[in-house]
Amino acid sequence: MDTELTSDEHLRALAALEAVVSNNDEGLAALPGSAGERPLPELLAVYGRHTLERILVAAFGITATTDRDETRRLVAELNADPQARLTFLLTDALRQQAAAAGDDLATAKRIGISVLGAIAAFTDADNNDALTLLRALRNEVFQPHSTNPR
């Protein structure tokens, strides 16, 4: 699964997660994709994988300035870590669930809940903290240094 997301996809995924945190089913229903866009369950699964991979990379101290040998060593540690391996299994299960779901909003909500739960497991965020975190992630999309394709 491609974990690259455009800025618009980031924003749509974050809006969906905000709707999930707020238990706003009407808001979630207003976000299904138009022609050519990923269905919401797939988008949330891709966004979850992207975000959780970023969290793991940061947790293992891998940065853009880490040299090649150190990066290899840290990636090997990451791939051997039980928590990281469970995270990869979770994101694969979400991808499979999304593939079978099409545009089903109930599945999108379940995937969103799982993504939020996984993020909370790494960040200790509760619902109020989750909204703050999601706003910060949204603001990051608008930063000029952002690596998100526009």
Protein backbone atom coordinates (compact mmCIF):
# COMPACT_ATOMS: atom_id res chain seq x y z
CA MET A 1 0.00 0.00 0.00
CA ASP A 2 1.26 3.43 -0.90
CA THR A 3 1.76 5.49 2.24
CA GLU A 4 2.46 8.71 0.35
CA LEU A 5 -0.35 11.19 0.83
CA THR A 6 -1.08 14.52 -0.76
CA SER A 7 -1.82 17.53 1.41
CA ASP A 8 -5.51 17.21 0.50
CA GLU A 9 -5.52 13.57 1.60
CA HIS A 10 -3.84 14.49 4.87
CA LEU A 11 -6.47 17.14 5.52
CA ARG A 12 -9.35 14.82 4.61
CA ALA A 13 -7.98 12.06 6.85
CA LEU A 14 -7.50 14.48 9.74
CA ALA A 15 -11.04 15.83 9.31
CA ALA A 16 -12.32 12.24 9.40
CA LEU A 17 -10.34 11.47 12.55
CA GLU A 18 -11.65 14.64 14.19
CA ALA A 19 -15.18 13.50 13.34
CA VAL A 20 -14.43 10.08 14.85
CA VAL A 21 -13.01 11.61 18.07
CA SER A 22 -16.08 13.85 18.34
CA ASN A 23 -18.42 10.95 17.46
CA ASN A 24 -19.76 13.15 14.65
CA ASP A 25 -21.23 10.67 12.19
CA GLU A 26 -22.74 13.46 10.08
CA GLY A 27 -19.33 15.09 9.75
CA LEU A 28 -17.81 11.76 8.77
CA ALA A 29 -20.55 11.19 6.19
CA ALA A 30 -19.71 14.56 4.61
CA LEU A 31 -16.18 13.35 3.79
CA PRO A 32 -16.54 10.51 1.31
CA GLY A 33 -14.23 10.95 -1.64
CA SER A 34 -15.21 12.04 -5.07
CA ALA A 35 -14.22 10.27 -8.27
CA GLY A 36 -10.53 9.45 -8.29
CA GLU A 37 -10.09 9.82 -4.52
CA ARG A 38 -9.42 6.96 -2.16
CA PRO A 39 -12.47 5.64 -0.33
CA LEU A 40 -12.49 6.88 3.27
CA PRO A 41 -11.68 3.48 4.87
CA GLU A 42 -8.65 3.10 2.58
CA LEU A 43 -7.54 6.68 3.20
CA LEU A 44 -7.71 6.22 6.97
CA ALA A 45 -5.77 2.95 6.75
CA VAL A 46 -3.08 4.60 4.62
CA TYR A 47 -2.99 7.64 6.89
CA GLY A 48 -2.73 5.41 9.96
CA ARG A 49 0.19 3.50 8.47
CA HIS A 50 1.91 6.73 7.42
CA THR A 51 1.50 8.34 10.84
CA LEU A 52 2.45 5.27 12.86
CA GLU A 53 5.55 4.74 10.72
CA ARG A 54 6.54 8.38 11.36
CA ILE A 55 6.03 7.87 15.11
CA LEU A 56 8.17 4.73 15.10
CA VAL A 57 10.93 6.34 13.05
CA ALA A 58 11.01 9.28 15.46
CA ALA A 59 10.92 6.97 18.50
CA PHE A 60 13.97 5.13 17.20
CA GLY A 61 15.83 8.40 16.61
CA ILE A 62 15.97 8.20 12.83
CA THR A 63 16.15 11.68 11.32
CA ALA A 64 17.06 13.21 7.97
CA THR A 65 20.52 13.89 9.37
CA THR A 66 21.20 10.34 10.61
CA ASP A 67 24.07 8.88 8.58
CA ARG A 68 23.53 5.82 6.39
CA ASP A 69 25.21 3.25 8.67
CA GLU A 70 23.38 4.51 11.76
CA THR A 71 20.10 4.53 9.83
CA ARG A 72 20.63 0.90 8.80
CA ARG A 73 21.35 -0.08 12.40
CA LEU A 74 18.32 1.79 13.75
CA VAL A 75 16.01 0.41 11.05
CA ALA A 76 17.17 -3.12 11.92
CA GLU A 77 16.36 -2.40 15.58
CA LEU A 78 12.97 -0.98 14.62
CA ASN A 79 12.13 -4.02 12.48
CA ALA A 80 13.09 -6.37 15.33
CA ASP A 81 11.14 -4.47 17.99
CA PRO A 82 7.99 -6.36 19.13
CA GLN A 83 5.93 -3.17 19.49
CA ALA A 84 6.92 -2.04 16.00
CA ARG A 85 6.11 -5.47 14.56
CA LEU A 86 2.68 -5.39 16.21
CA THR A 87 2.15 -1.92 14.73
CA PHE A 88 3.00 -3.23 11.26
CA LEU A 89 0.53 -6.10 11.76
CA LEU A 90 -2.15 -3.64 12.87
CA THR A 91 -1.66 -1.42 9.84
CA ASP A 92 -1.76 -4.43 7.53
CA ALA A 93 -5.01 -5.61 9.15
CA LEU A 94 -6.51 -2.13 8.71
CA ARG A 95 -5.47 -2.15 5.05
CA GLN A 96 -7.16 -5.51 4.53
CA GLN A 97 -10.30 -4.34 6.32
CA ALA A 98 -10.35 -1.19 4.16
CA ALA A 99 -9.91 -3.18 0.95
CA ALA A 100 -13.04 -5.15 1.72
CA ALA A 101 -15.03 -2.12 2.86
CA GLY A 102 -15.29 0.06 -0.22
CA ASP A 103 -16.98 3.30 0.86
CA ASP A 104 -18.60 1.91 4.03
CA LEU A 105 -18.61 4.68 6.64
CA ALA A 106 -19.07 2.32 9.59
CA THR A 107 -15.84 0.59 8.60
CA ALA A 108 -14.14 3.96 8.13
CA LYS A 109 -15.16 4.86 11.68
CA ARG A 110 -13.84 1.55 13.07
CA ILE A 111 -10.55 2.05 11.23
CA GLY A 112 -10.38 5.63 12.52
CA ILE A 113 -10.95 4.41 16.08
CA SER A 114 -8.12 1.88 15.65
CA VAL A 115 -5.76 4.51 14.22
CA LEU A 116 -6.55 6.90 17.07
CA GLY A 117 -6.07 4.11 19.61
CA ALA A 118 -2.69 3.20 18.14
CA ILE A 119 -1.58 6.84 18.13
CA ALA A 120 -2.76 7.16 21.75
CA ALA A 121 -0.74 4.06 22.68
CA PHE A 122 2.41 5.89 21.60
CA THR A 123 1.47 9.37 22.80
CA ASP A 124 -0.78 8.75 25.84
CA ALA A 125 -3.35 11.10 24.27
CA ASP A 126 -6.95 11.02 25.50
CA ASN A 127 -9.86 12.40 23.41
CA ASN A 128 -9.13 16.03 24.33
CA ASP A 129 -5.43 15.53 23.68
CA ALA A 130 -6.28 13.72 20.43
CA LEU A 131 -8.10 16.77 19.10
CA THR A 132 -5.11 18.96 19.98
CA LEU A 133 -2.76 16.48 18.31
CA LEU A 134 -4.93 16.31 15.19
CA ARG A 135 -4.97 20.12 14.98
CA ALA A 136 -1.17 20.16 15.26
CA LEU A 137 -0.91 17.54 12.50
CA ARG A 138 -3.26 19.64 10.35
CA ASN A 139 -1.13 22.74 10.94
CA GLU A 140 1.95 20.75 9.93
CA VAL A 141 0.41 20.15 6.49
CA PHE A 142 0.42 23.91 5.93
CA GLN A 143 4.06 24.41 6.94
CA PRO A 144 6.40 25.34 4.07
CA HIS A 145 8.94 22.72 5.22
CA SER A 146 6.33 19.99 4.93
CA THR A 147 7.37 17.04 2.78
CA ASN A 148 3.80 16.35 1.73
CA PRO A 149 3.28 16.61 -2.03
CA ARG A 150 0.81 19.32 -2.96
